[in-house]
Every structure is written in C-alpha cells, then in structure tokens.
C-alpha cells in the first residue's frame, strides 16, 4: 500500500509556491512548529492552544486584508470541532482565502487519537457548506499548482490534503510566544496598535 505524503512534503511544496505577499495562519502543534521550521516569517500567525480557531481567524483576516492572499492550515479534527466556521467561510466566500485541511484521520496535537469518522469526505462537506472550489489533494505538486493558479479563481478554495499522521512533535526554531507572534504579525500587515494613556483610555498608533 502506497503511503500518503507527509505534512512536511506539502509544506515544502507550499513554501516553494507561496506568493511573497501571502499571509499564513497555522493551527496548533506541528501545523505551526513545522511551518516555522521551514519558513519562519513575520507574515505567519501561529496559533497556540486554540484548537479549531485557525479558520475563523483566517476568515476575518482575509476580509480585512482583501488584497493579500491568506492561507490557513487547519486539521481535520479541529475542523470537526468548529463546523460553523466552515459554513461561515462558504457564506462570505472571500476570493483571497485558501483553506489547507490536513486530513490525517487523527487528533495529532493531543496524541494521535483516531477521529470518530476518519473516512469522511471533507471536501464534499465543504462544497455543501458553499465553498464550490473544494477538492481532495493527494500529491504535493498538485498543491503547488493550486497555490500558483489562485489569481484566476472566484471565491474561497478548500483543499483537503491526504496526509500521513505526524505524532512526534517537531521543535520549532524559536519559542512561539503568542504575544511576540501577534506583535510581529501586526507589524507585517500594518495594523494599528492600541496604546493606553496615563490617565485611562488610549490611542491608536499607525492609523
């Protein structure tokens, strides 16, 4: 039996085809640790200890930054925890959002427990939720081709990546401190920063 590609295989294909202006949101565990190891950059937003929240964060980011491609890497287990986010993506359907769903059939970040229904066709589920450009991907080169061709599409894209489980935790190149990640990312997208004043209240800098 031929094994599915690894998360690292897909990540290398993504790194080689990613537009320079792209913003990348990664979910907890190896989704963030491995991406940081391969392509650590201010334009990455790494989520920690927030299973299932990468997709809603990326959706808001895509709406707020419509001129920049937004790529979000979410896990199959995390998606099943927050199906409402998928429905909302289908309703908003931003052209600049690409959802990469790591379909490995397990909750990798919590030890590798099997999903309740690992054989569920999540691409078909995404189409039912309103994301017409949804399909299953079984090879890294197919992912690279999709990332490069995103300029010609209409609406969000959902790609379910058939992946071998990676239970062993990858050590990132730096400690992924949430506060540092947020501050660096805000600088990368030019977001205004709220600064408290001495006597209460505050002001926005960078507007």
N, C-alpha and C. Protein backbone atom coordinates (compact mmCIF):
# COMPACT_ATOMS: atom_id res chain seq x y z
N UNK A 1 0.84 -1.20 0.00
CA UNK A 1 0.00 0.00 0.00
C UNK A 1 0.88 1.25 0.00
N UNK A 2 0.60 2.18 -0.90
CA UNK A 2 1.38 3.40 -1.00
C UNK A 2 0.96 4.38 0.09
N UNK A 3 1.95 4.90 0.81
CA UNK A 3 1.66 5.84 1.88
C UNK A 3 1.32 7.21 1.30
N UNK A 4 0.49 7.95 2.05
CA UNK A 4 0.19 9.33 1.68
C UNK A 4 1.41 10.20 1.95
N UNK A 5 1.50 11.36 1.30
CA UNK A 5 2.61 12.28 1.59
C UNK A 5 2.55 12.75 3.05
N UNK A 6 3.65 13.28 3.54
CA UNK A 6 3.69 13.81 4.89
C UNK A 6 3.32 15.29 4.89
N UNK A 7 3.07 15.80 6.07
CA UNK A 7 2.83 17.23 6.21
C UNK A 7 4.03 18.02 5.68
N UNK A 8 5.24 17.53 5.97
CA UNK A 8 6.45 18.21 5.51
C UNK A 8 6.51 18.26 3.99
N UNK A 9 6.08 17.20 3.31
CA UNK A 9 6.06 17.20 1.84
C UNK A 9 5.18 18.33 1.31
N UNK A 10 3.99 18.46 1.88
CA UNK A 10 3.08 19.52 1.45
C UNK A 10 3.62 20.90 1.82
N UNK A 11 4.22 21.02 2.99
CA UNK A 11 4.74 22.30 3.40
C UNK A 11 5.88 22.77 2.49
N UNK A 12 6.72 21.85 2.07
CA UNK A 12 7.80 22.23 1.15
C UNK A 12 7.22 22.71 -0.18
N UNK A 13 6.17 22.05 -0.65
CA UNK A 13 5.52 22.49 -1.88
C UNK A 13 4.87 23.85 -1.70
N UNK A 14 4.28 24.08 -0.54
CA UNK A 14 3.67 25.38 -0.26
C UNK A 14 4.72 26.47 -0.19
N UNK A 15 5.81 26.22 0.50
CA UNK A 15 6.87 27.22 0.64
C UNK A 15 7.45 27.60 -0.72
N UNK A 16 7.52 26.65 -1.64
CA UNK A 16 8.09 26.92 -2.95
C UNK A 16 7.16 27.63 -3.91
N UNK A 17 5.89 27.72 -3.57
CA UNK A 17 4.91 28.32 -4.49
C UNK A 17 4.17 29.50 -3.88
N UNK A 18 4.48 29.85 -2.64
CA UNK A 18 3.74 30.88 -1.92
C UNK A 18 4.09 32.27 -2.44
N UNK A 19 3.10 33.11 -2.75
CA UNK A 19 3.38 34.49 -3.15
C UNK A 19 4.06 35.25 -2.01
N UNK A 20 4.92 36.18 -2.34
CA UNK A 20 5.70 36.90 -1.32
C UNK A 20 4.80 37.71 -0.39
N UNK A 21 3.64 38.13 -0.87
CA UNK A 21 2.76 38.97 -0.06
C UNK A 21 1.75 38.16 0.75
N UNK A 22 1.82 36.83 0.69
CA UNK A 22 0.84 35.98 1.35
C UNK A 22 0.96 36.03 2.87
N UNK A 23 -0.18 35.86 3.54
CA UNK A 23 -0.25 35.72 4.98
C UNK A 23 -0.65 34.28 5.28
N UNK A 24 0.02 33.66 6.28
CA UNK A 24 -0.21 32.25 6.58
C UNK A 24 -0.62 32.10 8.04
N UNK A 25 -1.77 31.47 8.27
CA UNK A 25 -2.25 31.17 9.62
C UNK A 25 -2.16 29.66 9.81
N UNK A 26 -1.50 29.23 10.88
CA UNK A 26 -1.36 27.79 11.14
C UNK A 26 -1.95 27.44 12.49
N UNK A 27 -2.58 26.27 12.55
CA UNK A 27 -3.20 25.82 13.80
C UNK A 27 -2.14 25.27 14.75
N UNK A 28 -2.60 24.78 15.88
CA UNK A 28 -1.69 24.41 16.96
C UNK A 28 -0.85 23.17 16.62
N UNK A 29 0.19 22.96 17.42
CA UNK A 29 1.04 21.78 17.28
C UNK A 29 1.94 21.84 16.06
N UNK A 30 2.13 20.67 15.44
CA UNK A 30 3.06 20.59 14.31
C UNK A 30 2.65 21.44 13.12
N UNK A 31 1.38 21.79 13.02
CA UNK A 31 0.97 22.69 11.94
C UNK A 31 1.74 23.99 12.00
N UNK A 32 1.96 24.49 13.22
CA UNK A 32 2.75 25.71 13.40
C UNK A 32 4.23 25.42 13.52
N UNK A 33 4.60 24.37 14.30
CA UNK A 33 6.01 24.11 14.57
C UNK A 33 6.79 23.79 13.29
N UNK A 34 6.20 22.96 12.45
CA UNK A 34 6.90 22.56 11.22
C UNK A 34 6.97 23.73 10.23
N UNK A 35 5.89 24.49 10.12
CA UNK A 35 5.91 25.64 9.21
C UNK A 35 6.95 26.67 9.66
N UNK A 36 7.06 26.89 10.96
CA UNK A 36 8.08 27.80 11.47
C UNK A 36 9.48 27.28 11.16
N UNK A 37 9.64 25.97 11.19
CA UNK A 37 10.95 25.38 10.90
C UNK A 37 11.34 25.56 9.43
N UNK A 38 10.33 25.55 8.56
CA UNK A 38 10.60 25.64 7.12
C UNK A 38 10.59 27.07 6.60
N UNK A 39 9.73 27.91 7.18
CA UNK A 39 9.59 29.27 6.62
C UNK A 39 9.12 30.24 7.71
N UNK A 40 9.96 30.50 8.67
CA UNK A 40 9.64 31.42 9.75
C UNK A 40 9.66 32.84 9.21
N UNK A 41 8.54 33.58 9.37
CA UNK A 41 8.44 34.93 8.81
C UNK A 41 7.43 35.74 9.59
N UNK A 42 7.55 37.07 9.58
CA UNK A 42 6.57 37.93 10.28
C UNK A 42 5.15 37.76 9.75
N UNK A 43 5.02 37.32 8.49
CA UNK A 43 3.69 37.16 7.89
C UNK A 43 2.99 35.88 8.33
N UNK A 44 3.60 35.10 9.22
CA UNK A 44 2.98 33.89 9.76
C UNK A 44 2.29 34.22 11.08
N UNK A 45 1.08 33.69 11.24
CA UNK A 45 0.40 33.77 12.54
C UNK A 45 0.23 32.36 13.06
N UNK A 46 0.98 32.03 14.13
CA UNK A 46 0.94 30.70 14.71
C UNK A 46 -0.06 30.68 15.87
N UNK A 47 -1.04 29.77 15.79
CA UNK A 47 -1.97 29.63 16.90
C UNK A 47 -1.43 28.62 17.91
N UNK A 48 -1.61 28.91 19.19
CA UNK A 48 -1.21 28.00 20.25
C UNK A 48 -2.42 27.73 21.15
N UNK A 49 -2.66 26.43 21.42
CA UNK A 49 -3.71 26.03 22.38
C UNK A 49 -5.07 26.61 22.05
N UNK A 50 -5.43 26.63 20.78
CA UNK A 50 -6.73 27.15 20.36
C UNK A 50 -7.26 26.27 19.23
N UNK A 51 -7.55 25.02 19.55
CA UNK A 51 -7.96 24.07 18.52
C UNK A 51 -9.24 24.50 17.83
N UNK A 52 -9.19 24.54 16.51
CA UNK A 52 -10.37 24.87 15.71
C UNK A 52 -10.56 26.34 15.43
N UNK A 53 -9.68 27.19 15.92
CA UNK A 53 -9.87 28.63 15.75
C UNK A 53 -9.00 29.25 14.66
N UNK A 54 -8.18 28.45 14.00
CA UNK A 54 -7.37 29.00 12.91
C UNK A 54 -8.25 29.46 11.75
N UNK A 55 -9.27 28.70 11.42
CA UNK A 55 -10.13 29.04 10.28
C UNK A 55 -10.91 30.33 10.51
N UNK A 56 -11.60 30.52 11.64
CA UNK A 56 -12.29 31.80 11.81
C UNK A 56 -11.35 33.00 11.86
N UNK A 57 -10.15 32.83 12.44
CA UNK A 57 -9.19 33.93 12.45
C UNK A 57 -8.77 34.28 11.03
N UNK A 58 -8.49 33.26 10.23
CA UNK A 58 -8.06 33.50 8.84
C UNK A 58 -9.17 34.13 8.01
N UNK A 59 -10.40 33.76 8.27
CA UNK A 59 -11.52 34.35 7.54
C UNK A 59 -11.60 35.85 7.82
N UNK A 60 -11.51 36.24 9.10
CA UNK A 60 -11.52 37.66 9.43
C UNK A 60 -10.35 38.38 8.81
N UNK A 61 -9.19 37.74 8.78
CA UNK A 61 -8.00 38.34 8.19
C UNK A 61 -8.18 38.54 6.68
N UNK A 62 -8.77 37.55 6.01
CA UNK A 62 -8.99 37.66 4.56
C UNK A 62 -9.94 38.80 4.23
N UNK A 63 -10.95 39.00 5.05
CA UNK A 63 -11.88 40.11 4.84
C UNK A 63 -11.20 41.45 5.09
N UNK A 64 -10.35 41.50 6.13
CA UNK A 64 -9.68 42.75 6.49
C UNK A 64 -8.53 43.10 5.55
N UNK A 65 -7.94 42.08 4.90
CA UNK A 65 -6.80 42.28 4.01
C UNK A 65 -7.12 41.72 2.61
N UNK A 66 -8.09 42.29 1.92
CA UNK A 66 -8.58 41.69 0.67
C UNK A 66 -7.57 41.64 -0.47
N UNK A 67 -6.51 42.45 -0.41
CA UNK A 67 -5.52 42.47 -1.49
C UNK A 67 -4.39 41.46 -1.29
N UNK A 68 -4.40 40.76 -0.16
CA UNK A 68 -3.32 39.80 0.12
C UNK A 68 -3.91 38.40 0.19
N UNK A 69 -3.24 37.41 -0.44
CA UNK A 69 -3.69 36.03 -0.29
C UNK A 69 -3.50 35.56 1.15
N UNK A 70 -4.50 34.88 1.67
CA UNK A 70 -4.45 34.34 3.03
C UNK A 70 -4.55 32.82 2.94
N UNK A 71 -3.57 32.13 3.50
CA UNK A 71 -3.53 30.67 3.52
C UNK A 71 -3.70 30.24 4.97
N UNK A 72 -4.64 29.33 5.23
CA UNK A 72 -4.80 28.81 6.58
C UNK A 72 -4.63 27.29 6.56
N UNK A 73 -3.84 26.78 7.51
CA UNK A 73 -3.65 25.34 7.66
C UNK A 73 -4.40 24.89 8.90
N UNK A 74 -5.40 24.06 8.69
CA UNK A 74 -6.22 23.55 9.79
C UNK A 74 -6.22 22.03 9.76
N UNK A 75 -6.48 21.41 10.89
CA UNK A 75 -6.53 19.95 10.96
C UNK A 75 -7.95 19.43 10.82
N UNK A 76 -8.08 18.17 10.41
CA UNK A 76 -9.42 17.60 10.25
C UNK A 76 -10.16 17.51 11.58
N UNK A 77 -9.47 17.11 12.64
CA UNK A 77 -10.11 17.04 13.94
C UNK A 77 -10.56 18.40 14.44
N UNK A 78 -9.73 19.42 14.23
CA UNK A 78 -10.07 20.78 14.65
C UNK A 78 -11.26 21.32 13.86
N UNK A 79 -11.31 21.02 12.58
CA UNK A 79 -12.43 21.48 11.76
C UNK A 79 -13.75 20.88 12.24
N UNK A 80 -13.73 19.61 12.60
CA UNK A 80 -14.95 18.96 13.06
C UNK A 80 -15.43 19.53 14.39
N UNK A 81 -14.53 20.14 15.14
CA UNK A 81 -14.93 20.78 16.40
C UNK A 81 -15.67 22.09 16.17
N UNK A 82 -15.42 22.75 15.03
CA UNK A 82 -15.98 24.08 14.77
C UNK A 82 -16.53 24.14 13.34
N UNK A 83 -17.51 23.30 13.05
CA UNK A 83 -18.06 23.24 11.70
C UNK A 83 -18.74 24.55 11.29
N UNK A 84 -19.19 25.32 12.27
CA UNK A 84 -19.83 26.59 11.94
C UNK A 84 -18.90 27.52 11.20
N UNK A 85 -17.60 27.43 11.47
CA UNK A 85 -16.63 28.29 10.78
C UNK A 85 -16.61 27.97 9.29
N UNK A 86 -16.72 26.70 8.94
CA UNK A 86 -16.71 26.30 7.53
C UNK A 86 -17.94 26.86 6.81
N UNK A 87 -19.08 26.81 7.46
CA UNK A 87 -20.31 27.34 6.88
C UNK A 87 -20.19 28.85 6.67
N UNK A 88 -19.56 29.54 7.63
CA UNK A 88 -19.39 30.98 7.51
C UNK A 88 -18.44 31.33 6.36
N UNK A 89 -17.38 30.54 6.19
CA UNK A 89 -16.49 30.75 5.04
C UNK A 89 -17.27 30.61 3.74
N UNK A 90 -18.14 29.60 3.66
CA UNK A 90 -18.95 29.42 2.46
C UNK A 90 -19.90 30.58 2.21
N UNK A 91 -20.38 31.21 3.28
CA UNK A 91 -21.30 32.34 3.13
C UNK A 91 -20.56 33.60 2.70
N UNK A 92 -19.38 33.85 3.28
CA UNK A 92 -18.61 35.05 2.94
C UNK A 92 -17.84 34.86 1.64
N UNK A 93 -17.20 33.70 1.50
CA UNK A 93 -16.55 33.26 0.25
C UNK A 93 -15.53 34.26 -0.30
N UNK A 94 -14.56 34.69 0.52
CA UNK A 94 -13.58 35.66 0.01
C UNK A 94 -12.63 35.05 -1.02
N UNK A 95 -12.37 35.78 -2.09
CA UNK A 95 -11.51 35.28 -3.17
C UNK A 95 -10.09 34.98 -2.71
N UNK A 96 -9.63 35.67 -1.69
CA UNK A 96 -8.23 35.59 -1.30
C UNK A 96 -7.94 34.55 -0.22
N UNK A 97 -8.92 33.72 0.14
CA UNK A 97 -8.73 32.74 1.21
C UNK A 97 -8.57 31.33 0.66
N UNK A 98 -7.49 30.65 1.07
CA UNK A 98 -7.27 29.24 0.74
C UNK A 98 -7.17 28.45 2.04
N UNK A 99 -8.01 27.44 2.16
CA UNK A 99 -8.01 26.58 3.34
C UNK A 99 -7.29 25.28 2.99
N UNK A 100 -6.20 24.99 3.71
CA UNK A 100 -5.49 23.73 3.55
C UNK A 100 -5.85 22.84 4.73
N UNK A 101 -6.56 21.78 4.47
CA UNK A 101 -7.04 20.90 5.52
C UNK A 101 -6.15 19.67 5.59
N UNK A 102 -5.41 19.52 6.69
CA UNK A 102 -4.56 18.35 6.89
C UNK A 102 -5.46 17.18 7.29
N UNK A 103 -5.69 16.28 6.35
CA UNK A 103 -6.59 15.15 6.62
C UNK A 103 -5.75 13.90 6.91
N UNK A 104 -5.44 13.72 8.20
CA UNK A 104 -4.63 12.57 8.60
C UNK A 104 -5.40 11.57 9.45
N UNK A 105 -6.67 11.87 9.73
CA UNK A 105 -7.54 10.92 10.42
C UNK A 105 -7.35 10.82 11.92
N UNK A 106 -6.52 11.71 12.49
CA UNK A 106 -6.27 11.64 13.93
C UNK A 106 -6.23 13.05 14.53
N UNK A 107 -6.36 13.10 15.85
CA UNK A 107 -6.11 14.34 16.60
C UNK A 107 -4.62 14.34 16.96
N UNK A 108 -3.79 14.79 16.03
CA UNK A 108 -2.34 14.66 16.20
C UNK A 108 -1.81 15.47 17.37
N UNK A 109 -2.37 16.68 17.59
CA UNK A 109 -1.83 17.56 18.61
C UNK A 109 -2.06 17.05 20.02
N UNK A 110 -3.01 16.14 20.21
CA UNK A 110 -3.30 15.63 21.55
C UNK A 110 -2.89 14.17 21.72
N UNK A 111 -2.09 13.64 20.80
CA UNK A 111 -1.55 12.30 21.00
C UNK A 111 -1.86 11.28 19.93
N UNK A 112 -2.67 11.62 18.94
CA UNK A 112 -2.93 10.70 17.85
C UNK A 112 -4.21 9.89 17.96
N UNK A 113 -5.18 10.36 18.77
CA UNK A 113 -6.45 9.65 18.87
C UNK A 113 -7.19 9.68 17.53
N UNK A 114 -7.77 8.56 17.15
CA UNK A 114 -8.47 8.47 15.86
C UNK A 114 -9.73 9.33 15.87
N UNK A 115 -10.03 9.94 14.72
CA UNK A 115 -11.27 10.69 14.58
C UNK A 115 -12.46 9.75 14.62
N UNK A 116 -13.61 10.28 14.97
CA UNK A 116 -14.82 9.47 15.02
C UNK A 116 -15.15 8.90 13.64
N UNK A 117 -14.96 9.70 12.59
CA UNK A 117 -15.21 9.25 11.21
C UNK A 117 -14.07 9.75 10.33
N UNK A 118 -12.98 9.00 10.34
CA UNK A 118 -11.78 9.42 9.61
C UNK A 118 -11.97 9.36 8.10
N UNK A 119 -12.96 8.62 7.62
CA UNK A 119 -13.16 8.47 6.18
C UNK A 119 -14.09 9.53 5.60
N UNK A 120 -14.55 10.45 6.41
CA UNK A 120 -15.47 11.48 5.94
C UNK A 120 -14.82 12.31 4.83
N UNK A 121 -15.56 12.55 3.75
CA UNK A 121 -15.06 13.36 2.63
C UNK A 121 -15.26 14.83 2.98
N UNK A 122 -14.23 15.46 3.51
CA UNK A 122 -14.36 16.83 3.98
C UNK A 122 -14.43 17.84 2.83
N UNK A 123 -13.87 17.50 1.69
CA UNK A 123 -14.01 18.38 0.52
C UNK A 123 -15.47 18.44 0.07
N UNK A 124 -16.13 17.30 0.08
CA UNK A 124 -17.56 17.27 -0.28
C UNK A 124 -18.37 18.06 0.76
N UNK A 125 -17.98 17.93 2.01
CA UNK A 125 -18.65 18.67 3.08
C UNK A 125 -18.48 20.17 2.88
N UNK A 126 -17.28 20.58 2.48
CA UNK A 126 -17.02 22.00 2.23
C UNK A 126 -17.85 22.52 1.05
N UNK A 127 -18.00 21.70 0.02
CA UNK A 127 -18.84 22.11 -1.11
C UNK A 127 -20.29 22.30 -0.66
N UNK A 128 -20.76 21.40 0.20
CA UNK A 128 -22.12 21.52 0.71
C UNK A 128 -22.29 22.78 1.56
N UNK A 129 -21.17 23.22 2.18
CA UNK A 129 -21.20 24.43 3.01
C UNK A 129 -21.13 25.71 2.17
N UNK A 130 -20.95 25.58 0.86
CA UNK A 130 -20.95 26.74 -0.02
C UNK A 130 -19.62 27.10 -0.63
N UNK A 131 -18.57 26.28 -0.38
CA UNK A 131 -17.26 26.55 -0.97
C UNK A 131 -17.13 25.69 -2.22
N UNK A 132 -17.50 26.26 -3.35
CA UNK A 132 -17.57 25.48 -4.60
C UNK A 132 -16.22 24.91 -5.01
N UNK A 133 -15.16 25.67 -4.77
CA UNK A 133 -13.81 25.24 -5.16
C UNK A 133 -13.20 24.40 -4.03
N UNK A 134 -13.69 23.20 -3.90
CA UNK A 134 -13.23 22.28 -2.85
C UNK A 134 -12.88 20.95 -3.48
N UNK A 135 -11.72 20.42 -3.14
CA UNK A 135 -11.34 19.13 -3.68
C UNK A 135 -10.30 18.44 -2.81
N UNK A 136 -10.17 17.16 -3.03
CA UNK A 136 -9.18 16.35 -2.34
C UNK A 136 -7.86 16.38 -3.12
N UNK A 137 -6.76 16.54 -2.40
CA UNK A 137 -5.43 16.60 -2.99
C UNK A 137 -4.60 15.45 -2.42
N UNK A 138 -3.90 14.73 -3.29
CA UNK A 138 -3.14 13.57 -2.84
C UNK A 138 -1.65 13.67 -3.14
N UNK A 139 -1.20 14.81 -3.70
CA UNK A 139 0.21 14.95 -4.06
C UNK A 139 0.66 16.40 -3.86
N UNK A 140 1.86 16.62 -3.33
CA UNK A 140 2.36 17.98 -3.09
C UNK A 140 2.43 18.83 -4.35
N UNK A 141 2.78 18.24 -5.50
CA UNK A 141 2.87 19.05 -6.72
C UNK A 141 1.50 19.59 -7.14
N UNK A 142 0.44 18.84 -6.81
CA UNK A 142 -0.91 19.32 -7.11
C UNK A 142 -1.24 20.52 -6.23
N UNK A 143 -0.79 20.49 -4.98
CA UNK A 143 -0.99 21.64 -4.10
C UNK A 143 -0.24 22.85 -4.64
N UNK A 144 1.01 22.69 -5.05
CA UNK A 144 1.80 23.79 -5.57
C UNK A 144 1.11 24.43 -6.79
N UNK A 145 0.56 23.59 -7.66
CA UNK A 145 -0.13 24.11 -8.85
C UNK A 145 -1.35 24.94 -8.45
N UNK A 146 -2.07 24.49 -7.43
CA UNK A 146 -3.25 25.23 -6.97
C UNK A 146 -2.86 26.58 -6.38
N UNK A 147 -1.80 26.62 -5.61
CA UNK A 147 -1.36 27.87 -5.00
C UNK A 147 -0.93 28.86 -6.07
N UNK A 148 -0.24 28.38 -7.09
CA UNK A 148 0.23 29.27 -8.16
C UNK A 148 -0.91 29.80 -9.03
N UNK A 149 -2.01 29.05 -9.12
CA UNK A 149 -3.09 29.44 -10.03
C UNK A 149 -4.22 30.20 -9.34
N UNK A 150 -4.02 30.60 -8.09
CA UNK A 150 -5.10 31.20 -7.31
C UNK A 150 -5.60 32.54 -7.89
N UNK A 151 -4.77 33.23 -8.68
CA UNK A 151 -5.17 34.54 -9.19
C UNK A 151 -6.36 34.45 -10.14
N UNK A 152 -6.61 33.29 -10.72
CA UNK A 152 -7.66 33.16 -11.72
C UNK A 152 -9.00 32.70 -11.14
N UNK A 153 -9.08 32.55 -9.84
CA UNK A 153 -10.27 31.93 -9.27
C UNK A 153 -11.29 32.94 -8.76
N UNK A 154 -12.49 32.45 -8.49
CA UNK A 154 -13.57 33.26 -7.93
C UNK A 154 -14.06 32.56 -6.67
N UNK A 155 -13.90 33.18 -5.52
CA UNK A 155 -14.33 32.59 -4.26
C UNK A 155 -13.21 31.90 -3.52
N UNK A 156 -13.51 31.49 -2.30
CA UNK A 156 -12.54 30.79 -1.46
C UNK A 156 -12.24 29.40 -2.02
N UNK A 157 -11.14 28.82 -1.56
CA UNK A 157 -10.74 27.48 -2.00
C UNK A 157 -10.46 26.62 -0.78
N UNK A 158 -10.90 25.36 -0.86
CA UNK A 158 -10.72 24.39 0.23
C UNK A 158 -10.04 23.16 -0.35
N UNK A 159 -8.84 22.85 0.16
CA UNK A 159 -8.07 21.72 -0.34
C UNK A 159 -7.81 20.76 0.81
N UNK A 160 -8.37 19.57 0.73
CA UNK A 160 -8.16 18.54 1.74
C UNK A 160 -6.94 17.72 1.34
N UNK A 161 -5.88 17.79 2.14
CA UNK A 161 -4.61 17.16 1.81
C UNK A 161 -4.50 15.80 2.49
N UNK A 162 -4.50 14.73 1.70
CA UNK A 162 -4.32 13.38 2.26
C UNK A 162 -2.92 13.28 2.84
N UNK A 163 -2.82 13.02 4.13
CA UNK A 163 -1.55 13.16 4.84
C UNK A 163 -1.34 12.02 5.84
N UNK A 164 -0.10 11.59 5.95
CA UNK A 164 0.25 10.63 7.00
C UNK A 164 0.28 11.36 8.35
N UNK A 165 -0.18 10.72 9.42
CA UNK A 165 -0.11 11.36 10.74
C UNK A 165 1.34 11.63 11.15
N UNK A 166 1.56 12.77 11.79
CA UNK A 166 2.88 13.09 12.33
C UNK A 166 2.71 13.38 13.83
N UNK A 167 2.82 12.33 14.62
CA UNK A 167 2.55 12.43 16.06
C UNK A 167 3.74 13.02 16.81
N UNK A 168 4.96 12.69 16.35
CA UNK A 168 6.15 13.18 17.03
C UNK A 168 6.26 14.70 16.88
N UNK A 169 6.40 15.39 18.00
CA UNK A 169 6.39 16.85 17.99
C UNK A 169 7.69 17.40 17.39
N UNK A 170 7.53 18.32 16.44
CA UNK A 170 8.67 19.00 15.81
C UNK A 170 9.07 20.18 16.69
N UNK A 171 10.37 20.37 16.85
CA UNK A 171 10.85 21.51 17.63
C UNK A 171 10.98 22.73 16.72
N UNK A 172 10.24 23.80 17.00
CA UNK A 172 10.36 25.00 16.15
C UNK A 172 11.71 25.68 16.36
N UNK A 173 12.13 26.53 15.41
CA UNK A 173 13.44 27.18 15.51
C UNK A 173 13.51 28.22 16.63
N UNK A 174 12.36 28.77 17.02
CA UNK A 174 12.28 29.75 18.11
C UNK A 174 11.07 29.42 18.95
N UNK A 175 11.04 29.91 20.19
CA UNK A 175 9.85 29.75 21.02
C UNK A 175 8.72 30.57 20.41
N UNK A 176 7.56 29.93 20.22
CA UNK A 176 6.43 30.62 19.60
C UNK A 176 5.59 31.29 20.67
N UNK A 177 6.06 32.42 21.12
CA UNK A 177 5.37 33.20 22.14
C UNK A 177 4.18 33.92 21.50
N UNK A 178 2.94 33.72 21.99
CA UNK A 178 1.77 34.32 21.35
C UNK A 178 1.82 35.85 21.28
N UNK A 179 2.35 36.49 22.31
CA UNK A 179 2.43 37.95 22.32
C UNK A 179 3.41 38.44 21.25
N UNK A 180 4.55 37.78 21.15
CA UNK A 180 5.55 38.14 20.13
C UNK A 180 4.98 37.89 18.73
N UNK A 181 4.32 36.74 18.57
CA UNK A 181 3.72 36.42 17.27
C UNK A 181 2.73 37.50 16.86
N UNK A 182 1.85 37.90 17.79
CA UNK A 182 0.84 38.92 17.47
C UNK A 182 1.48 40.25 17.10
N UNK A 183 2.45 40.69 17.89
CA UNK A 183 3.07 41.99 17.63
C UNK A 183 3.81 42.00 16.30
N UNK A 184 4.55 40.92 16.02
CA UNK A 184 5.30 40.84 14.76
C UNK A 184 4.34 40.79 13.58
N UNK A 185 3.24 40.05 13.72
CA UNK A 185 2.28 39.92 12.64
C UNK A 185 1.55 41.24 12.39
N UNK A 186 1.19 41.94 13.47
CA UNK A 186 0.55 43.25 13.30
C UNK A 186 1.45 44.21 12.54
N UNK A 187 2.74 44.14 12.82
CA UNK A 187 3.68 44.98 12.07
C UNK A 187 3.73 44.60 10.60
N UNK A 188 3.65 43.30 10.31
CA UNK A 188 3.74 42.82 8.93
C UNK A 188 2.54 43.27 8.10
N UNK A 189 1.37 43.38 8.72
CA UNK A 189 0.17 43.76 7.96
C UNK A 189 -0.16 45.24 8.12
N UNK A 190 0.66 45.96 8.91
CA UNK A 190 0.43 47.39 9.09
C UNK A 190 -0.78 47.71 9.93
N UNK A 191 -1.10 46.84 10.90
CA UNK A 191 -2.27 47.06 11.75
C UNK A 191 -1.96 48.13 12.79
N UNK A 192 -2.94 48.99 13.10
CA UNK A 192 -2.72 50.00 14.15
C UNK A 192 -2.58 49.34 15.52
N UNK A 193 -1.82 49.96 16.39
CA UNK A 193 -1.56 49.41 17.72
C UNK A 193 -2.21 50.31 18.76
N UNK A 194 -2.96 49.69 19.69
CA UNK A 194 -3.64 50.45 20.75
C UNK A 194 -2.65 50.70 21.88
N UNK A 195 -2.47 51.96 22.25
CA UNK A 195 -1.52 52.34 23.30
C UNK A 195 -2.30 53.01 24.44
N UNK A 196 -2.32 52.39 25.63
CA UNK A 196 -3.02 53.02 26.77
C UNK A 196 -2.36 54.34 27.15
N UNK A 197 -3.17 55.31 27.59
CA UNK A 197 -2.64 56.58 28.05
C UNK A 197 -2.56 56.58 29.57
N UNK A 198 -1.85 57.54 30.11
CA UNK A 198 -1.54 57.58 31.53
C UNK A 198 -2.79 57.65 32.40
N UNK A 199 -3.77 58.42 31.98
CA UNK A 199 -4.95 58.67 32.83
C UNK A 199 -6.19 57.93 32.33
N UNK A 200 -6.01 56.78 31.72
CA UNK A 200 -7.13 55.99 31.23
C UNK A 200 -7.38 56.21 29.75
N UNK A 201 -8.10 55.28 29.15
CA UNK A 201 -8.35 55.36 27.72
C UNK A 201 -7.09 54.98 26.96
N UNK A 202 -7.00 55.43 25.71
CA UNK A 202 -5.84 55.11 24.91
C UNK A 202 -5.96 55.70 23.53
N UNK A 203 -4.98 55.39 22.69
CA UNK A 203 -4.97 55.92 21.33
C UNK A 203 -4.47 54.84 20.39
N UNK A 204 -4.80 54.97 19.11
CA UNK A 204 -4.33 54.05 18.09
C UNK A 204 -3.12 54.65 17.39
N UNK A 205 -2.04 53.91 17.34
CA UNK A 205 -0.85 54.34 16.61
C UNK A 205 -0.78 53.59 15.29
N UNK A 206 -0.37 54.28 14.25
CA UNK A 206 -0.22 53.65 12.94
C UNK A 206 -1.41 53.85 12.04
N UNK A 207 -2.40 54.64 12.48
CA UNK A 207 -3.56 54.90 11.63
C UNK A 207 -3.36 56.18 10.84
